[in-house]
PDB file of all heavy atoms in Angstrom:
ATOM      1  N   SER A   1       3.346  13.164-174.518  1.00  0.00           N
ATOM      2  CA  SER A   1       3.920  12.445-175.700  1.00  0.00           C
ATOM      3  C   SER A   1       5.483  12.616-175.695  1.00  0.00           C
ATOM      4  O   SER A   1       6.209  11.707-176.051  1.00  0.00           O
ATOM      5  CB  SER A   1       3.339  12.990-177.022  1.00  0.00           C
ATOM      6  OG  SER A   1       1.984  12.766-177.076  1.00  0.00           O
ATOM      7  N   GLU A   2       5.930  13.825-175.394  1.00  0.00           N
ATOM      8  CA  GLU A   2       7.347  14.045-175.293  1.00  0.00           C
ATOM      9  C   GLU A   2       7.993  13.234-174.176  1.00  0.00           C
ATOM     10  O   GLU A   2       9.152  12.763-174.315  1.00  0.00           O
ATOM     11  CB  GLU A   2       7.635  15.523-175.111  1.00  0.00           C
ATOM     12  CG  GLU A   2       7.348  16.349-176.394  1.00  0.00           C
ATOM     13  CD  GLU A   2       7.496  17.836-176.204  1.00  0.00           C
ATOM     14  OE1 GLU A   2       8.023  18.316-175.144  1.00  0.00           O
ATOM     15  OE2 GLU A   2       7.093  18.598-177.139  1.00  0.00           O
ATOM     16  N   ALA A   3       7.255  13.033-173.083  1.00  0.00           N
ATOM     17  CA  ALA A   3       7.792  12.136-172.027  1.00  0.00           C
ATOM     18  C   ALA A   3       7.907  10.700-172.557  1.00  0.00           C
ATOM     19  O   ALA A   3       8.906  10.000-172.190  1.00  0.00           O
ATOM     20  CB  ALA A   3       6.826  12.177-170.796  1.00  0.00           C
ATOM     21  N   VAL A   4       6.951  10.257-173.332  1.00  0.00           N
ATOM     22  CA  VAL A   4       7.009   8.913-173.899  1.00  0.00           C
ATOM     23  C   VAL A   4       8.261   8.828-174.807  1.00  0.00           C
ATOM     24  O   VAL A   4       8.970   7.823-174.802  1.00  0.00           O
ATOM     25  CB  VAL A   4       5.743   8.601-174.706  1.00  0.00           C
ATOM     26  CG1 VAL A   4       5.910   7.360-175.513  1.00  0.00           C
ATOM     27  CG2 VAL A   4       4.547   8.442-173.714  1.00  0.00           C
ATOM     28  N   GLU A   5       8.474   9.841-175.639  1.00  0.00           N
ATOM     29  CA  GLU A   5       9.650   9.852-176.522  1.00  0.00           C
ATOM     30  C   GLU A   5      10.936   9.851-175.741  1.00  0.00           C
ATOM     31  O   GLU A   5      11.916   9.173-176.092  1.00  0.00           O
ATOM     32  CB  GLU A   5       9.552  11.045-177.460  1.00  0.00           C
ATOM     33  CG  GLU A   5      10.667  11.122-178.481  1.00  0.00           C
ATOM     34  CD  GLU A   5      10.683  10.022-179.498  1.00  0.00           C
ATOM     35  OE1 GLU A   5       9.727   9.192-179.550  1.00  0.00           O
ATOM     36  OE2 GLU A   5      11.674   9.909-180.261  1.00  0.00           O
ATOM     37  N   ALA A   6      10.971  10.652-174.651  1.00  0.00           N
ATOM     38  CA  ALA A   6      12.175  10.650-173.778  1.00  0.00           C
ATOM     39  C   ALA A   6      12.454   9.239-173.197  1.00  0.00           C
ATOM     40  O   ALA A   6      13.568   8.823-173.151  1.00  0.00           O
ATOM     41  CB  ALA A   6      12.015  11.692-172.681  1.00  0.00           C
ATOM     42  N   ASP A   7      11.363   8.573-172.798  1.00  0.00           N
ATOM     43  CA  ASP A   7      11.476   7.206-172.246  1.00  0.00           C
ATOM     44  C   ASP A   7      12.043   6.246-173.324  1.00  0.00           C
ATOM     45  O   ASP A   7      12.898   5.447-173.063  1.00  0.00           O
ATOM     46  CB  ASP A   7      10.135   6.741-171.725  1.00  0.00           C
ATOM     47  CG  ASP A   7      10.183   5.322-171.197  1.00  0.00           C
ATOM     48  OD1 ASP A   7      11.127   5.014-170.415  1.00  0.00           O
ATOM     49  OD2 ASP A   7       9.305   4.528-171.532  1.00  0.00           O
ATOM     50  N   ARG A   8      11.508   6.414-174.560  1.00  0.00           N
ATOM     51  CA  ARG A   8      11.945   5.558-175.646  1.00  0.00           C
ATOM     52  C   ARG A   8      13.474   5.721-175.862  1.00  0.00           C
ATOM     53  O   ARG A   8      14.173   4.775-176.198  1.00  0.00           O
ATOM     54  CB  ARG A   8      11.191   5.893-176.902  1.00  0.00           C
ATOM     55  CG  ARG A   8      11.416   4.941-178.078  1.00  0.00           C
ATOM     56  CD  ARG A   8      10.704   5.399-179.331  1.00  0.00           C
ATOM     57  NE  ARG A   8      11.315   6.618-179.913  1.00  0.00           N
ATOM     58  CZ  ARG A   8      12.442   6.663-180.587  1.00  0.00           C
ATOM     59  NH1 ARG A   8      13.130   5.593-180.809  1.00  0.00           N
ATOM     60  NH2 ARG A   8      12.857   7.819-181.102  1.00  0.00           N
ATOM     61  N   LYS A   9      13.971   6.982-175.664  1.00  0.00           N
ATOM     62  CA  LYS A   9      15.381   7.235-175.888  1.00  0.00           C
ATOM     63  C   LYS A   9      16.223   6.968-174.621  1.00  0.00           C
ATOM     64  O   LYS A   9      17.425   7.170-174.604  1.00  0.00           O
ATOM     65  CB  LYS A   9      15.574   8.712-176.245  1.00  0.00           C
ATOM     66  CG  LYS A   9      15.002   9.052-177.613  1.00  0.00           C
ATOM     67  CD  LYS A   9      15.177  10.540-177.915  1.00  0.00           C
ATOM     68  CE  LYS A   9      14.647  10.880-179.293  1.00  0.00           C
ATOM     69  NZ  LYS A   9      14.734  12.373-179.509  1.00  0.00           N
ATOM     70  N   GLY A  10      15.548   6.571-173.549  1.00  0.00           N
ATOM     71  CA  GLY A  10      16.242   6.283-172.255  1.00  0.00           C
ATOM     72  C   GLY A  10      16.694   7.539-171.536  1.00  0.00           C
ATOM     73  O   GLY A  10      17.626   7.470-170.756  1.00  0.00           O
ATOM     74  N   LYS A  11      15.987   8.655-171.764  1.00  0.00           N
ATOM     75  CA  LYS A  11      16.359   9.886-171.137  1.00  0.00           C
ATOM     76  C   LYS A  11      15.577  10.118-169.850  1.00  0.00           C
ATOM     77  O   LYS A  11      14.479  10.680-169.839  1.00  0.00           O
ATOM     78  CB  LYS A  11      16.134  11.046-172.123  1.00  0.00           C
ATOM     79  CG  LYS A  11      17.066  11.056-173.301  1.00  0.00           C
ATOM     80  CD  LYS A  11      16.889  12.281-174.112  1.00  0.00           C
ATOM     81  CE  LYS A  11      17.445  13.512-173.422  1.00  0.00           C
ATOM     82  NZ  LYS A  11      17.469  14.734-174.187  1.00  0.00           N
ATOM     83  N   TRP A  12      16.140   9.658-168.749  1.00  0.00           N
ATOM     84  CA  TRP A  12      15.575   9.853-167.426  1.00  0.00           C
ATOM     85  C   TRP A  12      16.580  10.687-166.662  1.00  0.00           C
ATOM     86  O   TRP A  12      17.804  10.444-166.709  1.00  0.00           O
ATOM     87  CB  TRP A  12      15.377   8.555-166.734  1.00  0.00           C
ATOM     88  CG  TRP A  12      14.222   7.739-167.296  1.00  0.00           C
ATOM     89  CD1 TRP A  12      14.203   7.052-168.483  1.00  0.00           C
ATOM     90  CD2 TRP A  12      12.913   7.604-166.715  1.00  0.00           C
ATOM     91  NE1 TRP A  12      12.995   6.476-168.688  1.00  0.00           N
ATOM     92  CE2 TRP A  12      12.157   6.763-167.601  1.00  0.00           C
ATOM     93  CE3 TRP A  12      12.340   8.037-165.569  1.00  0.00           C
ATOM     94  CZ2 TRP A  12      10.844   6.414-167.340  1.00  0.00           C
ATOM     95  CZ3 TRP A  12      11.006   7.708-165.283  1.00  0.00           C
ATOM     96  CH2 TRP A  12      10.291   6.904-166.148  1.00  0.00           C
ATOM     97  N   ALA A  13      16.113  11.624-165.841  1.00  0.00           N
ATOM     98  CA  ALA A  13      17.022  12.429-164.992  1.00  0.00           C
ATOM     99  C   ALA A  13      17.479  11.637-163.784  1.00  0.00           C
ATOM    100  O   ALA A  13      18.642  11.628-163.427  1.00  0.00           O
ATOM    101  CB  ALA A  13      16.327  13.694-164.551  1.00  0.00           C
ATOM    102  N   MET A  14      16.552  10.947-163.105  1.00  0.00           N
ATOM    103  CA  MET A  14      16.876  10.146-161.946  1.00  0.00           C
ATOM    104  C   MET A  14      17.743  10.923-160.943  1.00  0.00           C
ATOM    105  O   MET A  14      18.809  10.460-160.535  1.00  0.00           O
ATOM    106  CB  MET A  14      17.507   8.815-162.291  1.00  0.00           C
ATOM    107  CG  MET A  14      16.602   7.922-163.071  1.00  0.00           C
ATOM    108  SD  MET A  14      17.267   6.306-163.144  1.00  0.00           S
ATOM    109  CE  MET A  14      16.939   5.834-164.867  1.00  0.00           C
ATOM    110  N   LEU A  15      17.319  12.133-160.606  1.00  0.00           N
ATOM    111  CA  LEU A  15      18.129  12.980-159.719  1.00  0.00           C
ATOM    112  C   LEU A  15      18.051  12.467-158.274  1.00  0.00           C
ATOM    113  O   LEU A  15      17.011  12.149-157.762  1.00  0.00           O
ATOM    114  CB  LEU A  15      17.566  14.393-159.749  1.00  0.00           C
ATOM    115  CG  LEU A  15      17.509  15.112-161.098  1.00  0.00           C
ATOM    116  CD1 LEU A  15      16.933  16.528-160.922  1.00  0.00           C
ATOM    117  CD2 LEU A  15      18.905  15.147-161.741  1.00  0.00           C
ATOM    118  N   ASP A  16      19.212  12.498-157.614  1.00  0.00           N
ATOM    119  CA  ASP A  16      19.217  12.176-156.202  1.00  0.00           C
ATOM    120  C   ASP A  16      18.981  13.451-155.378  1.00  0.00           C
ATOM    121  O   ASP A  16      18.921  14.577-155.983  1.00  0.00           O
ATOM    122  CB  ASP A  16      20.533  11.478-155.776  1.00  0.00           C
ATOM    123  CG  ASP A  16      21.791  12.338-156.090  1.00  0.00           C
ATOM    124  OD1 ASP A  16      21.687  13.597-156.025  1.00  0.00           O
ATOM    125  OD2 ASP A  16      22.860  11.774-156.393  1.00  0.00           O
ATOM    126  N   HIS A  17      18.815  13.317-154.101  1.00  0.00           N
ATOM    127  CA  HIS A  17      18.463  14.485-153.251  1.00  0.00           C
ATOM    128  C   HIS A  17      19.553  15.547-153.326  1.00  0.00           C
ATOM    129  O   HIS A  17      19.249  16.732-153.271  1.00  0.00           O
ATOM    130  CB  HIS A  17      18.197  14.037-151.811  1.00  0.00           C
ATOM    131  CG  HIS A  17      16.938  13.188-151.693  1.00  0.00           C
ATOM    132  ND1 HIS A  17      15.693  13.700-151.941  1.00  0.00           N
ATOM    133  CD2 HIS A  17      16.779  11.898-151.342  1.00  0.00           C
ATOM    134  CE1 HIS A  17      14.815  12.733-151.751  1.00  0.00           C
ATOM    135  NE2 HIS A  17      15.421  11.612-151.413  1.00  0.00           N
ATOM    136  N   ASP A  18      20.843  15.153-153.340  1.00  0.00           N
ATOM    137  CA  ASP A  18      21.942  16.116-153.369  1.00  0.00           C
ATOM    138  C   ASP A  18      21.893  16.944-154.647  1.00  0.00           C
ATOM    139  O   ASP A  18      22.122  18.178-154.632  1.00  0.00           O
ATOM    140  CB  ASP A  18      23.271  15.413-153.213  1.00  0.00           C
ATOM    141  CG  ASP A  18      23.470  14.844-151.850  1.00  0.00           C
ATOM    142  OD1 ASP A  18      22.786  15.303-150.906  1.00  0.00           O
ATOM    143  OD2 ASP A  18      24.331  13.977-151.684  1.00  0.00           O
ATOM    144  N   THR A  19      21.610  16.281-155.794  1.00  0.00           N
ATOM    145  CA  THR A  19      21.553  17.014-157.059  1.00  0.00           C
ATOM    146  C   THR A  19      20.393  17.952-157.060  1.00  0.00           C
ATOM    147  O   THR A  19      20.498  19.102-157.559  1.00  0.00           O
ATOM    148  CB  THR A  19      21.465  16.014-158.247  1.00  0.00           C
ATOM    149  OG1 THR A  19      22.531  15.073-158.170  1.00  0.00           O
ATOM    150  CG2 THR A  19      21.501  16.751-159.600  1.00  0.00           C
ATOM    151  N   ILE A  20      19.218  17.524-156.590  1.00  0.00           N
ATOM    152  CA  ILE A  20      18.074  18.430-156.501  1.00  0.00           C
ATOM    153  C   ILE A  20      18.372  19.604-155.614  1.00  0.00           C
ATOM    154  O   ILE A  20      18.083  20.763-155.952  1.00  0.00           O
ATOM    155  CB  ILE A  20      16.792  17.652-155.971  1.00  0.00           C
ATOM    156  CG1 ILE A  20      16.312  16.663-157.026  1.00  0.00           C
ATOM    157  CG2 ILE A  20      15.684  18.625-155.570  1.00  0.00           C
ATOM    158  CD1 ILE A  20      15.233  15.708-156.512  1.00  0.00           C
ATOM    159  N   ASP A  21      19.015  19.328-154.488  1.00  0.00           N
ATOM    160  CA  ASP A  21      19.371  20.410-153.570  1.00  0.00           C
ATOM    161  C   ASP A  21      20.311  21.401-154.224  1.00  0.00           C
ATOM    162  O   ASP A  21      20.135  22.617-154.092  1.00  0.00           O
ATOM    163  CB  ASP A  21      20.018  19.812-152.262  1.00  0.00           C
ATOM    164  CG  ASP A  21      20.380  20.934-151.293  1.00  0.00           C
ATOM    165  OD1 ASP A  21      19.449  21.622-150.846  1.00  0.00           O
ATOM    166  OD2 ASP A  21      21.573  21.074-150.989  1.00  0.00           O
ATOM    167  N   THR A  22      21.305  20.911-154.949  1.00  0.00           N
ATOM    168  CA  THR A  22      22.240  21.825-155.657  1.00  0.00           C
ATOM    169  C   THR A  22      21.478  22.677-156.678  1.00  0.00           C
ATOM    170  O   THR A  22      21.684  23.886-156.751  1.00  0.00           O
ATOM    171  CB  THR A  22      23.359  21.002-156.344  1.00  0.00           C
ATOM    172  OG1 THR A  22      24.059  20.266-155.402  1.00  0.00           O
ATOM    173  CG2 THR A  22      24.317  21.916-157.092  1.00  0.00           C
ATOM    174  N   LEU A  23      20.652  22.031-157.504  1.00  0.00           N
ATOM    175  CA  LEU A  23      19.882  22.762-158.480  1.00  0.00           C
ATOM    176  C   LEU A  23      18.969  23.821-157.866  1.00  0.00           C
ATOM    177  O   LEU A  23      18.747  24.897-158.424  1.00  0.00           O
ATOM    178  CB  LEU A  23      19.043  21.805-159.338  1.00  0.00           C
ATOM    179  CG  LEU A  23      19.809  21.049-160.425  1.00  0.00           C
ATOM    180  CD1 LEU A  23      19.032  19.828-160.857  1.00  0.00           C
ATOM    181  CD2 LEU A  23      20.070  21.981-161.624  1.00  0.00           C
ATOM    182  N   GLN A  24      18.413  23.525-156.683  1.00  0.00           N
ATOM    183  CA  GLN A  24      17.547  24.520-156.023  1.00  0.00           C
ATOM    184  C   GLN A  24      18.347  25.669-155.467  1.00  0.00           C
ATOM    185  O   GLN A  24      17.844  26.809-155.390  1.00  0.00           O
ATOM    186  CB  GLN A  24      16.812  23.825-154.879  1.00  0.00           C
ATOM    187  CG  GLN A  24      15.708  22.874-155.404  1.00  0.00           C
ATOM    188  CD  GLN A  24      15.072  22.006-154.336  1.00  0.00           C
ATOM    189  OE1 GLN A  24      15.734  21.721-153.310  1.00  0.00           O
ATOM    190  NE2 GLN A  24      13.845  21.567-154.539  1.00  0.00           N
ATOM    191  N   ARG A  25      19.602  25.410-155.113  1.00  0.00           N
ATOM    192  CA  ARG A  25      20.426  26.500-154.476  1.00  0.00           C
ATOM    193  C   ARG A  25      21.140  27.410-155.442  1.00  0.00           C
ATOM    194  O   ARG A  25      21.259  28.600-155.196  1.00  0.00           O
ATOM    195  CB  ARG A  25      21.487  25.872-153.523  1.00  0.00           C
ATOM    196  CG  ARG A  25      20.934  25.396-152.206  1.00  0.00           C
ATOM    197  CD  ARG A  25      22.041  24.935-151.220  1.00  0.00           C
ATOM    198  NE  ARG A  25      22.774  23.749-151.716  1.00  0.00           N
ATOM    199  CZ  ARG A  25      23.971  23.761-152.287  1.00  0.00           C
ATOM    200  NH1 ARG A  25      24.589  24.903-152.466  1.00  0.00           N
ATOM    201  NH2 ARG A  25      24.511  22.668-152.721  1.00  0.00           N
ATOM    202  N   ILE A  26      21.608  26.837-156.588  1.00  0.00           N
ATOM    203  CA  ILE A  26      22.438  27.678-157.489  1.00  0.00           C
ATOM    204  C   ILE A  26      21.499  28.537-158.358  1.00  0.00           C
ATOM    205  O   ILE A  26      20.327  28.230-158.546  1.00  0.00           O
ATOM    206  CB  ILE A  26      23.394  26.826-158.360  1.00  0.00           C
ATOM    207  CG1 ILE A  26      22.611  25.817-159.213  1.00  0.00           C
ATOM    208  CG2 ILE A  26      24.378  26.083-157.426  1.00  0.00           C
ATOM    209  CD1 ILE A  26      23.505  24.990-160.132  1.00  0.00           C
ATOM    210  N   GLU A  27      22.062  29.602-158.886  1.00  0.00           N
ATOM    211  CA  GLU A  27      21.290  30.545-159.706  1.00  0.00           C
ATOM    212  C   GLU A  27      22.051  30.855-160.999  1.00  0.00           C
ATOM    213  O   GLU A  27      23.180  30.470-161.210  1.00  0.00           O
ATOM    214  CB  GLU A  27      21.092  31.856-158.905  1.00  0.00           C
ATOM    215  CG  GLU A  27      20.343  31.726-157.607  1.00  0.00           C
ATOM    216  CD  GLU A  27      18.854  31.410-157.734  1.00  0.00           C
ATOM    217  OE1 GLU A  27      18.303  31.683-158.835  1.00  0.00           O
ATOM    218  OE2 GLU A  27      18.282  30.813-156.833  1.00  0.00           O
ATOM    219  N   GLY A  28      21.384  31.627-161.852  1.00  0.00           N
ATOM    220  CA  GLY A  28      22.003  32.132-163.034  1.00  0.00           C
ATOM    221  C   GLY A  28      22.519  31.123-164.036  1.00  0.00           C
ATOM    222  O   GLY A  28      21.955  30.031-164.165  1.00  0.00           O
ATOM    223  N   GLU A  29      23.633  31.435-164.649  1.00  0.00           N
ATOM    224  CA  GLU A  29      24.193  30.568-165.672  1.00  0.00           C
ATOM    225  C   GLU A  29      24.571  29.200-165.196  1.00  0.00           C
ATOM    226  O   GLU A  29      24.346  28.197-165.883  1.00  0.00           O
ATOM    227  CB  GLU A  29      25.387  31.273-166.335  1.00  0.00           C
ATOM    228  CG  GLU A  29      25.866  30.619-167.639  1.00  0.00           C
ATOM    229  CD  GLU A  29      24.760  30.513-168.701  1.00  0.00           C
ATOM    230  OE1 GLU A  29      23.949  31.463-168.846  1.00  0.00           O
ATOM    231  OE2 GLU A  29      24.684  29.484-169.402  1.00  0.00           O
ATOM    232  N   PRO A  30      25.149  29.080-163.987  1.00  0.00           N
ATOM    233  CA  PRO A  30      25.458  27.735-163.486  1.00  0.00           C
ATOM    234  C   PRO A  30      24.207  26.847-163.360  1.00  0.00           C
ATOM    235  O   PRO A  30      24.249  25.667-163.681  1.00  0.00           O
ATOM    236  CB  PRO A  30      26.107  27.967-162.093  1.00  0.00           C
ATOM    237  CG  PRO A  30      26.666  29.374-162.201  1.00  0.00           C
ATOM    238  CD  PRO A  30      25.707  30.154-163.107  1.00  0.00           C
ATOM    239  N   PHE A  31      23.093  27.477-162.911  1.00  0.00           N
ATOM    240  CA  PHE A  31      21.856  26.698-162.830  1.00  0.00           C
ATOM    241  C   PHE A  31      21.403  26.269-164.174  1.00  0.00           C
ATOM    242  O   PHE A  31      21.036  25.092-164.395  1.00  0.00           O
ATOM    243  CB  PHE A  31      20.738  27.507-162.100  1.00  0.00           C
ATOM    244  CG  PHE A  31      19.392  26.888-162.352  1.00  0.00           C
ATOM    245  CD1 PHE A  31      19.003  25.775-161.655  1.00  0.00           C
ATOM    246  CD2 PHE A  31      18.499  27.413-163.276  1.00  0.00           C
ATOM    247  CE1 PHE A  31      17.777  25.156-161.865  1.00  0.00           C
ATOM    248  CE2 PHE A  31      17.265  26.827-163.500  1.00  0.00           C
ATOM    249  CZ  PHE A  31      16.890  25.710-162.788  1.00  0.00           C
ATOM    250  N   VAL A  32      21.342  27.211-165.154  1.00  0.00           N
ATOM    251  CA  VAL A  32      20.920  26.896-166.511  1.00  0.00           C
ATOM    252  C   VAL A  32      21.716  25.764-167.118  1.00  0.00           C
ATOM    253  O   VAL A  32      21.197  24.803-167.684  1.00  0.00           O
ATOM    254  CB  VAL A  32      20.911  28.129-167.401  1.00  0.00           C
ATOM    255  CG1 VAL A  32      20.660  27.782-168.858  1.00  0.00           C
ATOM    256  CG2 VAL A  32      19.929  29.175-166.929  1.00  0.00           C
ATOM    257  N   LYS A  33      23.071  25.853-166.950  1.00  0.00           N
ATOM    258  CA  LYS A  33      23.925  24.800-167.520  1.00  0.00           C
ATOM    259  C   LYS A  33      23.676  23.459-166.896  1.00  0.00           C
ATOM    260  O   LYS A  33      23.536  22.437-167.585  1.00  0.00           O
ATOM    261  CB  LYS A  33      25.408  25.202-167.373  1.00  0.00           C
ATOM    262  CG  LYS A  33      26.323  24.132-167.978  1.00  0.00           C
ATOM    263  CD  LYS A  33      27.784  24.533-167.869  1.00  0.00           C
ATOM    264  CE  LYS A  33      28.707  23.574-168.493  1.00  0.00           C
ATOM    265  NZ  LYS A  33      28.269  22.222-168.699  1.00  0.00           N
ATOM    266  N   MET A  34      23.533  23.450-165.593  1.00  0.00           N
ATOM    267  CA  MET A  34      23.320  22.153-164.904  1.00  0.00           C
ATOM    268  C   MET A  34      21.923  21.607-165.242  1.00  0.00           C
ATOM    269  O   MET A  34      21.802  20.428-165.443  1.00  0.00           O
ATOM    270  CB  MET A  34      23.478  22.361-163.357  1.00  0.00           C
ATOM    271  CG  MET A  34      23.412  21.031-162.598  1.00  0.00           C
ATOM    272  SD  MET A  34      23.750  21.305-160.862  1.00  0.00           S
ATOM    273  CE  MET A  34      23.642  19.606-160.262  1.00  0.00           C
ATOM    274  N   PHE A  35      20.919  22.484-165.339  1.00  0.00           N
ATOM    275  CA  PHE A  35      19.592  22.035-165.690  1.00  0.00           C
ATOM    276  C   PHE A  35      19.591  21.420-167.116  1.00  0.00           C
ATOM    277  O   PHE A  35      18.995  20.375-167.337  1.00  0.00           O
ATOM    278  CB  PHE A  35      18.597  23.190-165.604  1.00  0.00           C
ATOM    279  CG  PHE A  35      17.169  22.777-165.903  1.00  0.00           C
ATOM    280  CD1 PHE A  35      16.357  22.321-164.854  1.00  0.00           C
ATOM    281  CD2 PHE A  35      16.672  22.801-167.158  1.00  0.00           C
ATOM    282  CE1 PHE A  35      15.040  21.953-165.079  1.00  0.00           C
ATOM    283  CE2 PHE A  35      15.351  22.377-167.417  1.00  0.00           C
ATOM    284  CZ  PHE A  35      14.561  21.984-166.375  1.00  0.00           C
ATOM    285  N   LEU A  36      20.230  22.094-168.025  1.00  0.00           N
ATOM    286  CA  LEU A  36      20.296  21.594-169.404  1.00  0.00           C
ATOM    287  C   LEU A  36      21.028  20.241-169.479  1.00  0.00           C
ATOM    288  O   LEU A  36      20.680  19.329-170.223  1.00  0.00           O
ATOM    289  CB  LEU A  36      21.012  22.606-170.335  1.00  0.00           C
ATOM    290  CG  LEU A  36      20.219  23.912-170.604  1.00  0.00           C
ATOM    291  CD1 LEU A  36      21.090  24.890-171.352  1.00  0.00           C
ATOM    292  CD2 LEU A  36      18.941  23.630-171.347  1.00  0.00           C
ATOM    293  N   ASP A  37      22.102  20.115-168.632  1.00  0.00           N
ATOM    294  CA  ASP A  37      22.851  18.855-168.639  1.00  0.00           C
ATOM    295  C   ASP A  37      22.134  17.720-167.932  1.00  0.00           C
ATOM    296  O   ASP A  37      22.270  16.567-168.386  1.00  0.00           O
ATOM    297  CB  ASP A  37      24.230  19.089-167.955  1.00  0.00           C
ATOM    298  CG  ASP A  37      25.174  19.969-168.778  1.00  0.00           C
ATOM    299  OD1 ASP A  37      24.902  20.148-169.978  1.00  0.00           O
ATOM    300  OD2 ASP A  37      26.143  20.499-168.162  1.00  0.00           O
ATOM    301  N   GLU A  38      21.461  18.019-166.840  1.00  0.00           N
ATOM    302  CA  GLU A  38      20.918  16.933-166.013  1.00  0.00           C
ATOM    303  C   GLU A  38      19.424  16.680-166.144  1.00  0.00           C
ATOM    304  O   GLU A  38      19.006  15.552-165.862  1.00  0.00           O
ATOM    305  CB  GLU A  38      21.157  17.338-164.515  1.00  0.00           C
ATOM    306  CG  GLU A  38      22.609  17.582-164.111  1.00  0.00           C
ATOM    307  CD  GLU A  38      23.383  16.301-163.896  1.00  0.00           C
ATOM    308  OE1 GLU A  38      22.736  15.253-163.611  1.00  0.00           O
ATOM    309  OE2 GLU A  38      24.589  16.336-163.918  1.00  0.00           O
ATOM    310  N   VAL A  39      18.651  17.678-166.626  1.00  0.00           N
ATOM    311  CA  VAL A  39      17.184  17.554-166.477  1.00  0.00           C
ATOM    312  C   VAL A  39      16.493  17.741-167.837  1.00  0.00           C
ATOM    313  O   VAL A  39      15.514  17.007-168.112  1.00  0.00           O
ATOM    314  CB  VAL A  39      16.639  18.539-165.451  1.00  0.00           C
ATOM    315  CG1 VAL A  39      15.129  18.384-165.305  1.00  0.00           C
ATOM    316  CG2 VAL A  39      17.336  18.437-164.101  1.00  0.00           C
ATOM    317  N   LYS A  40      16.858  18.743-168.607  1.00  0.00           N
ATOM    318  CA  LYS A  40      16.097  19.173-169.774  1.00  0.00           C
ATOM    319  C   LYS A  40      15.795  18.002-170.688  1.00  0.00           C
ATOM    320  O   LYS A  40      16.632  17.174-171.037  1.00  0.00           O
ATOM    321  CB  LYS A  40      16.924  20.257-170.520  1.00  0.00           C
ATOM    322  CG  LYS A  40      16.149  20.874-171.697  1.00  0.00           C
ATOM    323  CD  LYS A  40      15.168  21.903-171.258  1.00  0.00           C
ATOM    324  CE  LYS A  40      14.585  22.675-172.378  1.00  0.00           C
ATOM    325  NZ  LYS A  40      13.554  21.997-173.139  1.00  0.00           N
TER     326      LYS A  40
END
């Protein structure tokens, strides 16, 4: 249901391979900040 609500608001991550790779490589606070900005 939350995914439906995110769709209604137009909130899609649409991550490219480079962004996924960066998120997989970084750790700690930089990861949390980027995850919150790009994915959450």
